[in-house]
Structure formats: structure tokens, C-alpha cells
Amino acid sequence: MKPSTNRMLNRIKSVYMFINTRGTVTTQELVEEFGITPRTIQRDLNVLAYNDLVESPSRGKWTTTEKKVKISS
């Protein structure tokens, strides 16, 4: 796996864990927490939403779904 792909997957995993821990977060909170652009965080959220791991109950807010996830290191 390319280093850039590995970095992206680690970031997406971290984003998921952050949302899961906090319950509901805003896109802006994620931008500030991870120090990345709003566009990058939106791409990460799209990956998570596509895999039914997060959902947006209202515009700009994100929460995890009930889908069971096994987190590996």
C-alpha cells in the first residue's frame, strides 16, 4: 500500500473514532481537530457515509450509525 493511502486510511479511522467518542460533531469541529481542509474532511466523511458508518442528521453535523465496526490497529 502506498504511504499516502495508508495515511488517508489512518486519518479516516481517526475521524470515525473521534465522531464515535463525541456522539455528534460538526464538520468545522473535525476541520479544527485534524488540522485539514474542509474539502479533505468532506471527502473522508463521504467515504464513511458510503460505507454506512456515519450519517448526517442535519446539515453540517455528523454522528455514527448503528453498524457494528471491528477496529484493528
N, C-alpha and C. Protein backbone atom coordinates (compact mmCIF):
# COMPACT_ATOMS: atom_id res chain seq x y z
N MET A 1 0.84 -1.18 0.00
CA MET A 1 0.00 0.00 0.00
C MET A 1 0.89 1.24 0.00
N LYS A 2 0.50 2.22 -0.79
CA LYS A 2 1.27 3.46 -0.86
C LYS A 2 1.18 4.20 0.48
N PRO A 3 2.25 4.90 0.85
CA PRO A 3 2.21 5.65 2.12
C PRO A 3 1.05 6.65 2.19
N SER A 4 0.72 7.29 1.06
CA SER A 4 -0.37 8.27 1.06
C SER A 4 -1.72 7.58 1.32
N THR A 5 -1.89 6.38 0.79
CA THR A 5 -3.13 5.63 1.03
C THR A 5 -3.22 5.21 2.49
N ASN A 6 -2.12 4.76 3.03
CA ASN A 6 -2.09 4.37 4.44
C ASN A 6 -2.40 5.56 5.35
N ARG A 7 -1.84 6.73 5.03
CA ARG A 7 -2.10 7.95 5.79
C ARG A 7 -3.59 8.29 5.75
N MET A 8 -4.18 8.20 4.54
CA MET A 8 -5.59 8.52 4.38
C MET A 8 -6.46 7.56 5.20
N LEU A 9 -6.17 6.27 5.14
CA LEU A 9 -6.96 5.29 5.89
C LEU A 9 -6.84 5.51 7.40
N ASN A 10 -5.64 5.83 7.86
CA ASN A 10 -5.45 6.12 9.29
C ASN A 10 -6.23 7.36 9.70
N ARG A 11 -6.25 8.39 8.83
CA ARG A 11 -6.99 9.62 9.13
C ARG A 11 -8.49 9.33 9.18
N ILE A 12 -8.99 8.56 8.21
CA ILE A 12 -10.42 8.25 8.19
C ILE A 12 -10.81 7.45 9.43
N LYS A 13 -9.96 6.52 9.83
CA LYS A 13 -10.21 5.75 11.05
C LYS A 13 -10.24 6.68 12.26
N SER A 14 -9.31 7.63 12.32
CA SER A 14 -9.27 8.58 13.43
C SER A 14 -10.51 9.46 13.45
N VAL A 15 -10.97 9.88 12.28
CA VAL A 15 -12.18 10.70 12.18
C VAL A 15 -13.37 9.90 12.72
N TYR A 16 -13.48 8.65 12.29
CA TYR A 16 -14.58 7.81 12.77
C TYR A 16 -14.54 7.67 14.29
N MET A 17 -13.37 7.38 14.83
CA MET A 17 -13.23 7.21 16.28
C MET A 17 -13.58 8.50 17.03
N PHE A 18 -13.19 9.64 16.49
CA PHE A 18 -13.48 10.94 17.10
C PHE A 18 -15.00 11.15 17.15
N ILE A 19 -15.67 10.90 16.02
CA ILE A 19 -17.13 11.06 15.97
C ILE A 19 -17.80 10.08 16.93
N ASN A 20 -17.34 8.84 16.94
CA ASN A 20 -17.91 7.81 17.80
C ASN A 20 -17.78 8.19 19.27
N THR A 21 -16.66 8.76 19.65
CA THR A 21 -16.43 9.16 21.04
C THR A 21 -17.28 10.36 21.44
N ARG A 22 -17.38 11.32 20.54
CA ARG A 22 -18.10 12.56 20.84
C ARG A 22 -19.62 12.46 20.69
N GLY A 23 -20.08 11.52 19.89
CA GLY A 23 -21.52 11.40 19.64
C GLY A 23 -21.91 12.14 18.37
N THR A 24 -22.04 13.44 18.46
CA THR A 24 -22.36 14.26 17.29
C THR A 24 -21.34 15.39 17.21
N VAL A 25 -20.80 15.59 16.03
CA VAL A 25 -19.82 16.66 15.82
C VAL A 25 -20.18 17.43 14.56
N THR A 26 -19.64 18.64 14.46
CA THR A 26 -19.83 19.43 13.25
C THR A 26 -18.63 19.24 12.32
N THR A 27 -18.84 19.54 11.07
CA THR A 27 -17.75 19.47 10.11
C THR A 27 -16.62 20.40 10.54
N GLN A 28 -16.97 21.58 11.05
CA GLN A 28 -15.95 22.55 11.49
C GLN A 28 -15.14 22.01 12.66
N GLU A 29 -15.76 21.31 13.57
CA GLU A 29 -15.02 20.71 14.69
C GLU A 29 -13.99 19.71 14.17
N LEU A 30 -14.36 18.94 13.15
CA LEU A 30 -13.43 17.97 12.57
C LEU A 30 -12.28 18.67 11.88
N VAL A 31 -12.57 19.74 11.16
CA VAL A 31 -11.52 20.52 10.49
C VAL A 31 -10.52 21.02 11.52
N GLU A 32 -11.02 21.56 12.61
CA GLU A 32 -10.15 22.11 13.65
C GLU A 32 -9.37 21.01 14.38
N GLU A 33 -10.02 19.90 14.67
CA GLU A 33 -9.37 18.81 15.39
C GLU A 33 -8.24 18.18 14.59
N PHE A 34 -8.46 17.97 13.30
CA PHE A 34 -7.49 17.26 12.48
C PHE A 34 -6.58 18.18 11.67
N GLY A 35 -6.85 19.47 11.69
CA GLY A 35 -5.98 20.42 11.00
C GLY A 35 -5.91 20.21 9.50
N ILE A 36 -7.03 19.84 8.90
CA ILE A 36 -7.08 19.63 7.46
C ILE A 36 -8.17 20.52 6.87
N THR A 37 -8.19 20.60 5.56
CA THR A 37 -9.14 21.50 4.90
C THR A 37 -10.56 20.94 4.98
N PRO A 38 -11.56 21.82 4.89
CA PRO A 38 -12.94 21.35 4.86
C PRO A 38 -13.19 20.37 3.70
N ARG A 39 -12.56 20.58 2.57
CA ARG A 39 -12.74 19.68 1.43
C ARG A 39 -12.22 18.27 1.74
N THR A 40 -11.06 18.20 2.40
CA THR A 40 -10.49 16.90 2.76
C THR A 40 -11.37 16.18 3.77
N ILE A 41 -11.86 16.89 4.77
CA ILE A 41 -12.71 16.24 5.76
C ILE A 41 -14.01 15.79 5.11
N GLN A 42 -14.51 16.56 4.14
CA GLN A 42 -15.73 16.17 3.45
C GLN A 42 -15.52 14.88 2.66
N ARG A 43 -14.37 14.75 2.02
CA ARG A 43 -14.05 13.51 1.29
C ARG A 43 -14.00 12.33 2.26
N ASP A 44 -13.37 12.53 3.41
CA ASP A 44 -13.30 11.46 4.42
C ASP A 44 -14.69 11.07 4.90
N LEU A 45 -15.54 12.07 5.16
CA LEU A 45 -16.90 11.81 5.61
C LEU A 45 -17.70 11.09 4.52
N ASN A 46 -17.46 11.44 3.27
CA ASN A 46 -18.15 10.75 2.17
C ASN A 46 -17.80 9.27 2.15
N VAL A 47 -16.52 8.95 2.39
CA VAL A 47 -16.09 7.54 2.45
C VAL A 47 -16.81 6.83 3.59
N LEU A 48 -16.85 7.47 4.75
CA LEU A 48 -17.52 6.86 5.91
C LEU A 48 -19.02 6.72 5.67
N ALA A 49 -19.64 7.72 5.07
CA ALA A 49 -21.08 7.67 4.80
C ALA A 49 -21.39 6.60 3.76
N TYR A 50 -20.55 6.50 2.74
CA TYR A 50 -20.75 5.49 1.69
C TYR A 50 -20.74 4.09 2.28
N ASN A 51 -19.92 3.89 3.29
CA ASN A 51 -19.81 2.59 3.96
C ASN A 51 -20.78 2.46 5.14
N ASP A 52 -21.73 3.39 5.23
CA ASP A 52 -22.78 3.37 6.24
C ASP A 52 -22.23 3.39 7.66
N LEU A 53 -21.14 4.13 7.86
CA LEU A 53 -20.54 4.23 9.20
C LEU A 53 -20.91 5.54 9.90
N VAL A 54 -21.19 6.58 9.13
CA VAL A 54 -21.64 7.85 9.69
C VAL A 54 -22.85 8.34 8.89
N GLU A 55 -23.60 9.23 9.54
CA GLU A 55 -24.73 9.86 8.86
C GLU A 55 -24.82 11.30 9.31
N SER A 56 -25.51 12.09 8.53
CA SER A 56 -25.67 13.50 8.84
C SER A 56 -27.14 13.76 9.20
N PRO A 57 -27.43 13.86 10.51
CA PRO A 57 -28.83 14.09 10.92
C PRO A 57 -29.33 15.48 10.53
N SER A 58 -28.41 16.43 10.39
CA SER A 58 -28.75 17.77 9.90
C SER A 58 -27.51 18.36 9.24
N ARG A 59 -27.71 19.35 8.45
CA ARG A 59 -26.63 19.94 7.66
C ARG A 59 -25.43 20.32 8.52
N GLY A 60 -24.26 19.77 8.17
CA GLY A 60 -23.03 20.13 8.87
C GLY A 60 -22.78 19.36 10.16
N LYS A 61 -23.66 18.45 10.53
CA LYS A 61 -23.47 17.65 11.75
C LYS A 61 -23.37 16.18 11.37
N TRP A 62 -22.55 15.45 12.13
CA TRP A 62 -22.28 14.05 11.82
C TRP A 62 -22.34 13.20 13.08
N THR A 63 -22.83 12.00 12.91
CA THR A 63 -22.88 11.04 14.00
C THR A 63 -22.64 9.64 13.41
N THR A 64 -22.26 8.69 14.26
CA THR A 64 -22.03 7.34 13.77
C THR A 64 -23.36 6.60 13.65
N THR A 65 -23.38 5.58 12.83
CA THR A 65 -24.57 4.75 12.66
C THR A 65 -24.52 3.60 13.65
N GLU A 66 -25.53 2.76 13.61
CA GLU A 66 -25.58 1.59 14.48
C GLU A 66 -24.76 0.42 13.93
N LYS A 67 -24.18 0.58 12.75
CA LYS A 67 -23.43 -0.50 12.12
C LYS A 67 -22.25 -0.90 13.01
N LYS A 68 -22.12 -2.20 13.24
CA LYS A 68 -21.03 -2.71 14.07
C LYS A 68 -19.71 -2.61 13.33
N VAL A 69 -18.68 -2.16 14.03
CA VAL A 69 -17.37 -1.98 13.43
C VAL A 69 -16.32 -2.66 14.31
N LYS A 70 -15.46 -3.41 13.67
CA LYS A 70 -14.34 -4.02 14.37
C LYS A 70 -13.11 -3.17 14.06
N ILE A 71 -12.55 -2.54 15.07
CA ILE A 71 -11.40 -1.66 14.89
C ILE A 71 -10.13 -2.45 15.11
N SER A 72 -9.28 -2.45 14.10
CA SER A 72 -7.96 -3.12 14.23
C SER A 72 -6.88 -2.05 14.22
N SER A 73 -5.71 -2.39 14.71
CA SER A 73 -4.63 -1.41 14.80
C SER A 73 -3.84 -1.29 13.56
